[in-house]
């Protein structure tokens, strides 16, 4: 004996969940791939732009012109003023750039030469830059870009570096992009990814609902038809068209229903015939039983002590009446008698006549 499970999911819900999760998994995987790929592409694009910009700007400044700028007292130097103005114009022309600056390496120390900052936090010539990242140090010999934002006393930045022309590994130009600009661009990508995820969820929901409703909408009529057949209703048919393999299944259901209806009709006719045969058989049995009973009664009458007259040979029946032997036997056996004379009686009764008529006796 089987028992129903305590927890059971309907087939339509299973279809919905399976297709929803499948579509969500596929679209989510694709969306996640493109999301991280977009972030990586953005970061790589920013790094490439910073590196190319630094390399381009480094070729426009000759490091030999900066040899006389060493301290804050040199801020009125014509070369310093011209270089500072040039850096500020470049920074203002690109909103993504926070700072442009030129640095000099003196042994292990790194100091500012020109800083484009227009606030009171501007680094004057000769100011040492402590806690310089390793990529900045490598920027004195080759273009380099930080792989992730870093924090210093001026804020959080993503920076690119390139050695100045004719600097002999002692001068570089640096470009700082504020991390908030990077975050803004990353936020735009995250927002786009979130919208893409929501669109994927909506698509998965719509697709799963459509597929589940469509499939259960095809199955439910067949379930109802099976229930009708189980209750003995064979006269119905399924008229739904799906234009796929379900049409063949529906046709098989209708054929099965027709065959069951015909089989039911044949069974009903057979049952009716059997009932008639049974009734006829009972009638015949009753008739034969009655005949046998009558015959048995007659036999019982003939088998036993029969009172018979010793003179006239009449037989007394069970009601006290005397009947001729032939009449009594005919009533109880159905035998018919024909009358004649035996030779002894004929001789006794008609002996004289017989002798006279017989030529052999003369």
Protein backbone atom coordinates (compact mmCIF):
# COMPACT_ATOMS: atom_id res chain seq x y z
CA UNK A 1 0.00 0.00 0.00
CA UNK A 2 1.49 3.31 -1.05
CA UNK A 3 1.08 6.51 0.94
CA UNK A 4 1.04 10.03 -0.49
CA UNK A 5 4.13 12.12 0.32
CA UNK A 6 3.71 14.79 2.95
CA UNK A 7 5.17 17.48 0.74
CA UNK A 8 4.30 17.57 -2.92
CA UNK A 9 4.90 20.19 -5.58
CA UNK A 10 2.47 20.51 -8.43
CA UNK A 11 3.82 19.76 -11.88
CA UNK A 12 3.10 23.31 -13.06
CA UNK A 13 5.05 24.77 -10.16
CA UNK A 14 7.94 22.40 -10.84
CA UNK A 15 7.97 23.49 -14.48
CA UNK A 16 7.85 27.14 -13.44
CA UNK A 17 10.69 26.81 -10.93
CA UNK A 18 12.89 24.71 -13.21
CA UNK A 19 12.55 27.03 -16.22
CA UNK A 20 12.77 30.15 -14.07
CA UNK A 21 16.00 28.93 -12.47
CA UNK A 22 17.35 27.72 -15.83
CA UNK A 23 16.71 31.05 -17.56
CA UNK A 24 17.94 32.94 -14.51
CA UNK A 25 21.09 30.83 -14.37
CA UNK A 26 21.85 31.32 -18.06
CA UNK A 27 21.00 35.00 -18.17
CA UNK A 28 22.62 35.59 -14.77
CA UNK A 29 25.79 33.83 -15.85
CA UNK A 30 25.93 35.81 -19.06
CA UNK A 31 25.09 39.04 -17.22
CA UNK A 32 27.72 38.36 -14.56
CA UNK A 33 30.29 37.62 -17.22
CA UNK A 34 29.55 40.82 -19.09
CA UNK A 35 29.34 42.79 -15.83
CA UNK A 36 32.78 41.79 -14.62
CA UNK A 37 34.10 42.00 -18.14
CA UNK A 38 32.72 45.55 -18.40
CA UNK A 39 34.32 46.53 -15.08
CA UNK A 40 37.60 44.98 -16.13
CA UNK A 41 37.35 46.68 -19.50
CA UNK A 42 36.64 50.02 -17.82
CA UNK A 43 39.57 49.72 -15.47
CA UNK A 44 41.84 48.59 -18.28
CA UNK A 45 40.55 51.40 -20.47
CA UNK A 46 41.22 53.97 -17.74
CA UNK A 47 44.65 52.56 -17.09
CA UNK A 48 45.41 52.56 -20.79
CA UNK A 49 44.17 56.17 -21.13
CA UNK A 50 46.22 57.26 -18.14
CA UNK A 51 49.31 55.52 -19.41
CA UNK A 52 48.92 56.89 -22.94
CA UNK A 53 48.13 60.37 -21.65
CA UNK A 54 51.15 60.34 -19.36
CA UNK A 55 53.37 59.06 -22.15
CA UNK A 56 52.03 61.70 -24.54
CA UNK A 57 52.44 64.58 -22.09
CA UNK A 58 55.91 63.43 -21.10
CA UNK A 59 57.12 64.00 -24.65
CA UNK A 60 55.89 67.60 -24.61
CA UNK A 61 58.06 68.66 -21.68
CA UNK A 62 61.86 68.75 -21.81
CA UNK A 63 63.35 67.76 -18.46
CA UNK A 64 66.50 69.84 -19.13
CA UNK A 65 64.43 73.04 -18.76
CA UNK A 66 63.54 72.06 -15.19
CA UNK A 67 67.03 71.73 -13.83
CA UNK A 68 66.90 75.15 -12.16
CA UNK A 69 63.70 74.51 -10.20
CA UNK A 70 64.57 73.15 -6.75
CA UNK A 71 62.68 74.97 -4.00
CA UNK A 72 59.67 77.15 -3.22
CA UNK A 73 61.78 80.18 -4.01
CA UNK A 74 61.71 79.16 -7.69
CA UNK A 75 57.97 79.61 -8.12
CA UNK A 76 58.60 82.89 -9.93
CA UNK A 77 60.95 81.22 -12.38
CA UNK A 78 59.70 81.76 -15.91
CA UNK A 79 60.08 78.06 -16.75
CA UNK A 80 58.12 77.11 -13.62
CA UNK A 81 55.36 79.58 -14.39
CA UNK A 82 55.07 78.45 -18.01
CA UNK A 83 55.13 74.76 -17.08
CA UNK A 84 52.57 75.28 -14.29
CA UNK A 85 50.24 77.16 -16.65
CA UNK A 86 50.58 74.44 -19.26
CA UNK A 87 49.76 71.68 -16.73
CA UNK A 88 46.75 73.58 -15.40
CA UNK A 89 45.38 74.17 -18.89
CA UNK A 90 45.73 70.46 -19.63
CA UNK A 91 44.01 69.52 -16.39
CA UNK A 92 41.13 71.91 -17.01
CA UNK A 93 40.63 70.51 -20.52
CA UNK A 94 39.87 67.04 -19.13
CA UNK A 95 37.38 66.73 -16.29
CA UNK A 96 38.60 63.22 -15.48
CA UNK A 97 42.02 64.55 -14.43
CA UNK A 98 42.36 65.71 -10.81
CA UNK A 99 46.08 66.60 -10.75
CA UNK A 100 49.03 66.90 -13.08
CA UNK A 101 52.51 67.11 -11.61
CA UNK A 102 56.18 66.68 -12.36
CA UNK A 103 58.55 64.95 -9.93
CA UNK A 104 62.28 64.55 -9.61
CA UNK A 105 64.13 61.61 -8.07
CA UNK A 106 67.11 62.48 -5.93
CA UNK A 107 68.77 59.28 -4.78
CA UNK A 108 65.95 57.52 -2.88
CA UNK A 109 63.98 60.70 -2.34
CA UNK A 110 61.17 61.85 -4.61
CA UNK A 111 60.31 65.55 -4.65
CA UNK A 112 57.81 67.72 -6.48
CA UNK A 113 58.95 70.04 -9.23
CA UNK A 114 55.63 71.39 -10.55
CA UNK A 115 52.14 70.66 -9.15
CA UNK A 116 48.98 71.81 -10.99
CA UNK A 117 46.86 71.91 -7.81
CA UNK A 118 45.15 75.30 -7.51
CA UNK A 119 44.26 75.01 -3.81
CA UNK A 120 46.28 75.78 -0.70
CA UNK A 121 47.35 72.13 -0.69
CA UNK A 122 49.55 72.67 -3.75
CA UNK A 123 52.91 70.95 -3.44
CA UNK A 124 55.63 73.54 -3.99
CA UNK A 125 58.96 72.74 -5.64
CA UNK A 126 61.26 70.69 -3.45
CA UNK A 127 58.52 69.17 -1.29
CA UNK A 128 59.24 65.52 -0.66
CA UNK A 129 56.61 62.93 -1.52
CA UNK A 130 56.66 60.33 1.23
CA UNK A 131 55.16 56.85 0.99
CA UNK A 132 55.46 56.85 -2.80
CA UNK A 133 53.99 53.68 -4.38
CA UNK A 134 56.34 51.33 -6.19
CA UNK A 135 54.65 51.98 -9.52
CA UNK A 136 55.46 55.66 -9.17
CA UNK A 137 59.12 54.81 -8.77
CA UNK A 138 59.00 52.60 -11.84
CA UNK A 139 57.47 55.52 -13.76
CA UNK A 140 60.89 57.23 -13.87
CA UNK A 141 62.08 54.62 -16.34
CA UNK A 142 58.92 53.44 -18.17
CA UNK A 143 55.22 54.33 -18.39
CA UNK A 144 53.24 52.71 -15.57
CA UNK A 145 49.73 52.83 -14.12
CA UNK A 146 48.42 51.76 -10.73
CA UNK A 147 46.24 48.66 -11.01
CA UNK A 148 43.80 49.88 -8.34
CA UNK A 149 43.04 53.16 -6.55
CA UNK A 150 45.37 54.13 -3.69
CA UNK A 151 45.13 56.70 -0.90
CA UNK A 152 47.58 59.45 -0.01
CA UNK A 153 47.41 62.81 1.75
CA UNK A 154 45.54 64.36 -1.21
CA UNK A 155 42.84 61.71 -1.45
CA UNK A 156 42.14 58.46 -3.31
CA UNK A 157 43.39 58.27 -6.89
CA UNK A 158 44.14 56.11 -9.86
CA UNK A 159 47.42 57.37 -11.28
CA UNK A 160 49.58 57.03 -14.38
CA UNK A 161 53.26 57.91 -14.77
CA UNK A 162 55.76 58.37 -17.61
CA UNK A 163 59.42 59.54 -17.72
CA UNK A 164 60.02 63.03 -19.14
CA UNK A 165 61.88 63.54 -22.36
CA UNK A 166 65.61 63.91 -21.76
CA UNK A 167 65.08 63.18 -18.06
CA UNK A 168 67.61 60.35 -17.85
CA UNK A 169 65.41 58.47 -15.40
CA UNK A 170 65.24 61.35 -12.94
CA UNK A 171 62.01 63.10 -13.97
CA UNK A 172 58.46 61.92 -14.52
CA UNK A 173 55.04 63.37 -15.13
CA UNK A 174 52.10 62.04 -13.13
CA UNK A 175 48.36 62.12 -13.79
CA UNK A 176 45.89 61.53 -10.97
CA UNK A 177 42.28 60.59 -11.59
CA UNK A 178 40.10 60.86 -8.51
CA UNK A 179 38.63 57.59 -7.32
CA UNK A 180 35.22 59.20 -7.14
CA UNK A 181 35.33 59.53 -10.93
CA UNK A 182 36.26 55.88 -11.15
CA UNK A 183 33.49 55.05 -8.69
CA UNK A 184 31.03 57.06 -10.76
CA UNK A 185 31.87 55.11 -13.86
CA UNK A 186 31.79 51.85 -11.92
CA UNK A 187 28.44 52.89 -10.44
CA UNK A 188 27.10 53.40 -13.94
CA UNK A 189 28.24 49.90 -14.85
CA UNK A 190 26.76 48.45 -11.65
CA UNK A 191 23.48 50.23 -12.34
CA UNK A 192 23.49 48.87 -15.87
CA UNK A 193 24.28 45.40 -14.53
CA UNK A 194 21.47 45.66 -11.98
CA UNK A 195 19.01 46.73 -14.65
CA UNK A 196 20.23 43.86 -16.80
CA UNK A 197 19.73 41.46 -13.89
CA UNK A 198 16.21 42.78 -13.27
CA UNK A 199 15.46 42.42 -16.97
CA UNK A 200 16.78 38.85 -16.80
CA UNK A 201 14.57 38.13 -13.80
CA UNK A 202 11.56 39.57 -15.59
CA UNK A 203 12.38 37.60 -18.74
CA UNK A 204 12.86 34.41 -16.73
CA UNK A 205 9.57 35.01 -14.92
CA UNK A 206 7.63 35.67 -18.13
CA UNK A 207 9.19 32.72 -19.97
CA UNK A 208 8.70 30.32 -17.05
CA UNK A 209 5.09 31.42 -16.54
CA UNK A 210 4.32 31.13 -20.24
CA UNK A 211 5.92 27.71 -20.60
CA UNK A 212 4.37 26.39 -17.38
CA UNK A 213 0.87 27.69 -18.20
CA UNK A 214 1.14 26.49 -21.79
CA UNK A 215 2.21 22.97 -20.84
CA UNK A 216 -0.18 22.56 -17.92
CA UNK A 217 -2.93 24.00 -20.11
CA UNK A 218 -2.34 21.06 -22.46
CA UNK A 219 -2.09 18.46 -19.72
CA UNK A 220 -5.13 19.52 -17.65
CA UNK A 221 -7.74 18.62 -20.35
CA UNK A 222 -6.22 15.16 -20.62
CA UNK A 223 -6.32 14.78 -16.83
CA UNK A 224 -9.99 15.76 -16.78
CA UNK A 225 -10.68 13.36 -19.67
CA UNK A 226 -8.97 10.52 -17.77
CA UNK A 227 -11.15 11.29 -14.74
CA UNK A 228 -14.26 11.20 -16.93
CA UNK A 229 -13.19 7.86 -18.42
CA UNK A 230 -12.54 6.52 -14.91
CA UNK A 231 -16.15 7.46 -14.03
CA UNK A 232 -17.45 5.61 -17.09
CA UNK A 233 -18.08 8.62 -19.33
CA UNK A 234 -16.73 7.50 -22.70
CA UNK A 235 -18.75 9.79 -24.95
CA UNK A 236 -16.54 12.91 -24.69
CA UNK A 237 -13.54 13.96 -26.81
CA UNK A 238 -10.67 16.45 -26.50
CA UNK A 239 -10.91 19.11 -29.24
CA UNK A 240 -7.78 21.11 -28.34
CA UNK A 241 -5.14 21.68 -31.05
CA UNK A 242 -1.47 22.31 -30.21
CA UNK A 243 0.20 21.74 -33.60
CA UNK A 244 2.93 19.59 -32.07
CA UNK A 245 3.36 16.11 -30.57
CA UNK A 246 0.51 16.78 -28.13
CA UNK A 247 -1.89 16.49 -31.08
CA UNK A 248 -0.83 12.85 -31.43
CA UNK A 249 -1.33 12.28 -27.69
CA UNK A 250 -4.78 13.91 -27.84
CA UNK A 251 -5.69 11.76 -30.84
CA UNK A 252 -4.56 8.67 -28.90
CA UNK A 253 -6.76 9.75 -25.97
CA UNK A 254 -9.78 10.16 -28.25
CA UNK A 255 -9.12 6.80 -29.93
CA UNK A 256 -8.76 5.12 -26.54
CA UNK A 257 -12.04 6.72 -25.42
CA UNK A 258 -13.85 5.48 -28.54
CA UNK A 259 -12.45 1.97 -28.16
CA UNK A 260 -13.43 1.90 -24.48
CA UNK A 261 -16.94 3.08 -25.42
CA UNK A 262 -17.26 0.30 -28.00
CA UNK A 263 -15.86 -2.25 -25.56
CA UNK A 264 -18.31 -1.04 -22.94
CA UNK A 265 -21.20 -1.41 -25.42
CA UNK A 266 -20.07 -4.92 -26.32
CA UNK A 267 -19.77 -5.79 -22.64
CA UNK A 268 -23.27 -4.43 -21.97
CA UNK A 269 -24.69 -6.47 -24.83
CA UNK A 270 -22.88 -9.57 -23.59
CA UNK A 271 -24.20 -9.01 -20.07
CA UNK A 272 -27.75 -8.59 -21.45
CA UNK A 273 -27.38 -11.80 -23.47
CA UNK A 274 -26.08 -13.62 -20.42
CA UNK A 275 -29.00 -12.36 -18.34
CA UNK A 276 -31.46 -13.55 -20.99
CA UNK A 277 -29.69 -16.89 -21.21
CA UNK A 278 -29.74 -17.16 -17.45
CA UNK A 279 -33.46 -16.38 -17.33
CA UNK A 280 -34.19 -18.92 -20.09
CA UNK A 281 -32.02 -21.45 -18.35
CA UNK A 282 -33.89 -20.91 -15.10
CA UNK A 283 -37.20 -21.38 -16.94
CA UNK A 284 -35.96 -24.58 -18.57
CA UNK A 285 -34.59 -25.81 -15.28
CA UNK A 286 -37.90 -25.11 -13.58
CA UNK A 287 -39.79 -26.93 -16.36
CA UNK A 288 -37.48 -29.90 -16.26
CA UNK A 289 -37.60 -29.92 -12.49
CA UNK A 290 -41.37 -29.92 -12.62
CA UNK A 291 -41.38 -32.74 -15.21
CA UNK A 292 -38.95 -34.74 -13.14
CA UNK A 293 -41.02 -34.13 -10.05
CA UNK A 294 -44.17 -35.34 -11.84
CA UNK A 295 -42.34 -38.35 -13.20
CA UNK A 296 -40.95 -39.06 -9.76
CA UNK A 297 -44.41 -38.84 -8.26
CA UNK A 298 -45.72 -41.20 -10.92
CA UNK A 299 -42.89 -43.61 -10.31
CA UNK A 300 -43.50 -43.38 -6.59
CA UNK A 301 -47.19 -44.15 -7.22
CA UNK A 302 -46.31 -47.20 -9.30
CA UNK A 303 -43.70 -48.49 -6.90
CA UNK A 304 -45.25 -49.53 -3.70
CA UNK A 305 -48.34 -51.45 -2.60
CA UNK A 306 -51.21 -51.00 -5.10
CA UNK A 307 -54.66 -52.15 -3.89
CA UNK A 308 -56.21 -54.20 -6.71
CA UNK A 309 -59.51 -55.97 -6.88
CA UNK A 310 -59.04 -59.73 -6.93
CA UNK A 311 -62.08 -60.12 -9.10
CA UNK A 312 -62.31 -57.27 -11.60
CA UNK A 313 -58.69 -56.18 -11.24
CA UNK A 314 -59.55 -52.49 -10.59
CA UNK A 315 -56.96 -50.43 -8.72
CA UNK A 316 -57.79 -48.12 -5.83
CA UNK A 317 -56.05 -44.73 -5.99
CA UNK A 318 -54.89 -42.60 -3.06
CA UNK A 319 -58.27 -40.88 -2.92
CA UNK A 320 -60.19 -44.13 -2.47
CA UNK A 321 -61.59 -44.38 -6.00
CA UNK A 322 -61.41 -47.62 -7.97
CA UNK A 323 -60.12 -47.32 -11.52
CA UNK A 324 -59.54 -49.73 -14.33
CA UNK A 325 -55.93 -50.85 -14.56
CA UNK A 326 -55.39 -49.24 -17.95
CA UNK A 327 -56.94 -45.99 -16.80
CA UNK A 328 -54.77 -45.89 -13.66
CA UNK A 329 -51.56 -46.65 -15.57
CA UNK A 330 -52.36 -44.13 -18.28
CA UNK A 331 -52.90 -41.37 -15.70
CA UNK A 332 -49.64 -42.02 -13.93
CA UNK A 333 -47.32 -43.01 -16.78
CA UNK A 334 -48.72 -41.54 -19.96
CA UNK A 335 -48.95 -44.98 -21.56
CA UNK A 336 -51.88 -45.67 -23.94
CA UNK A 337 -53.61 -49.02 -24.07
CA UNK A 338 -55.04 -50.87 -27.09
CA UNK A 339 -57.47 -53.70 -26.30
CA UNK A 340 -57.34 -57.23 -27.63
CA UNK A 341 -57.72 -60.90 -26.48
CA UNK A 342 -55.01 -63.27 -25.55
CA UNK A 343 -55.31 -66.81 -26.97
CA UNK A 344 -56.47 -68.30 -23.69
CA UNK A 345 -59.25 -65.75 -23.22
CA UNK A 346 -60.26 -65.94 -26.84
CA UNK A 347 -60.52 -69.75 -26.58
CA UNK A 348 -62.39 -69.49 -23.33
CA UNK A 349 -64.86 -66.93 -24.55
CA UNK A 350 -65.18 -67.74 -28.22
CA UNK A 351 -63.89 -71.32 -28.43
CA UNK A 352 -66.95 -72.77 -30.17
CA UNK A 353 -66.97 -70.13 -32.84
CA UNK A 354 -63.27 -70.45 -33.40
CA UNK A 355 -63.49 -74.22 -33.77
CA UNK A 356 -66.35 -73.95 -36.23
CA UNK A 357 -64.51 -71.45 -38.37
CA UNK A 358 -61.22 -73.37 -38.30
CA UNK A 359 -61.12 -75.89 -41.25
CA UNK A 360 -58.35 -77.87 -39.61
CA UNK A 361 -60.59 -78.68 -36.68
CA UNK A 362 -63.21 -80.42 -38.93
